[in-house]
Protein backbone atom coordinates (compact mmCIF):
# COMPACT_ATOMS: atom_id res chain seq x y z
CA MET A 1 71.92 9.88 -29.23
CA ARG A 2 71.65 6.11 -29.33
CA ARG A 3 68.90 4.16 -27.61
CA GLU A 4 69.76 1.82 -24.75
CA ILE A 5 69.36 -1.88 -25.39
CA TRP A 6 66.85 -3.23 -22.87
CA PHE A 7 65.67 -6.31 -24.79
CA HIS A 8 67.24 -8.95 -27.04
CA LYS A 9 65.22 -10.35 -29.90
CA VAL A 10 65.06 -14.13 -29.83
CA LEU A 11 63.09 -15.63 -32.69
CA TRP A 12 59.71 -13.83 -32.52
CA SER A 13 59.91 -12.60 -28.93
CA TYR A 14 61.90 -10.10 -26.87
CA ILE A 15 63.85 -11.08 -23.75
CA PRO A 16 64.78 -8.39 -21.19
CA CYS A 17 68.54 -8.05 -20.77
CA HIS A 18 68.64 -4.87 -18.66
CA TRP A 19 66.97 -3.89 -15.42
CA LYS A 20 64.94 -1.26 -17.29
CA GLY A 21 63.48 -3.99 -19.47
CA TRP A 22 62.29 -5.84 -16.35
CA ALA A 23 60.97 -2.55 -14.94
CA VAL A 24 58.90 -1.95 -18.10
CA ILE A 25 57.42 -5.43 -17.86
CA VAL A 26 56.52 -4.95 -14.19
CA ALA A 27 55.07 -1.50 -14.96
CA CYS A 28 52.76 -3.14 -17.54
CA VAL A 29 51.85 -6.30 -15.69
CA LEU A 30 51.01 -4.87 -12.26
CA PRO A 31 48.36 -2.34 -13.36
CA VAL A 32 46.76 -4.95 -15.66
CA GLY A 33 46.48 -7.47 -12.81
CA LEU A 34 45.24 -4.93 -10.30
CA GLY A 35 42.78 -3.34 -12.70
CA SER A 36 41.51 -6.72 -13.81
CA ASP A 37 40.94 -7.84 -10.22
CA LEU A 38 39.15 -4.61 -9.37
CA GLY A 39 37.03 -4.81 -12.52
CA VAL A 40 36.05 -8.41 -11.87
CA SER A 41 35.07 -7.60 -8.28
CA ALA A 42 33.07 -4.58 -9.44
CA LEU A 43 31.25 -6.70 -12.05
CA ASP A 44 30.49 -9.35 -9.42
CA HIS A 45 29.18 -6.67 -7.06
CA PHE A 46 26.83 -5.28 -9.73
CA GLY A 47 25.53 -8.72 -10.72
CA TYR A 48 27.52 -9.58 -13.84
CA PRO A 49 29.69 -12.57 -12.81
CA GLU A 50 29.60 -14.05 -16.32
CA ALA A 51 31.56 -11.03 -17.71
CA ASP A 52 34.81 -11.85 -15.85
CA TRP A 53 36.90 -11.79 -18.99
CA VAL A 54 35.95 -8.22 -20.01
CA PRO A 55 38.25 -6.24 -17.64
CA PHE A 56 41.23 -8.39 -18.38
CA LEU A 57 40.79 -8.13 -22.13
CA LEU A 58 40.20 -4.38 -21.99
CA LEU A 59 43.40 -3.88 -20.02
CA PHE A 60 45.58 -6.64 -21.46
CA LEU A 61 45.45 -5.71 -25.15
CA PRO A 62 46.63 -2.09 -24.79
CA ALA A 63 49.32 -3.13 -22.30
CA TRP A 64 50.54 -5.91 -24.57
CA ILE A 65 50.70 -3.65 -27.60
CA SER A 66 52.56 -0.90 -25.77
CA LEU A 67 54.98 -3.39 -24.22
CA PHE A 68 55.65 -4.83 -27.69
CA VAL A 69 56.30 -1.33 -29.09
CA ILE A 70 58.66 -0.45 -26.26
CA ALA A 71 60.52 -3.78 -26.58
CA LYS A 72 60.89 -3.32 -30.34
CA ARG A 73 62.16 0.22 -29.89
CA HIS A 74 64.72 -0.76 -27.26
CA SER A 75 66.08 -3.92 -28.87
């Protein structure tokens, strides 16, 4: 069984060419944004406003890596 093509490789990046490619991007971006906002507000509530970058970094890196793996697999 062949894999579906969801992304086209252009130079060093992957461009979505199928609705499932866009769905994968949205499925990775929305939880990172929501989790980052919730994490920042929780840190502010507990008195750590200088650690605003921590939730974004903790959520962004795994999402970016998994999105890259999915895009590479479906290109």
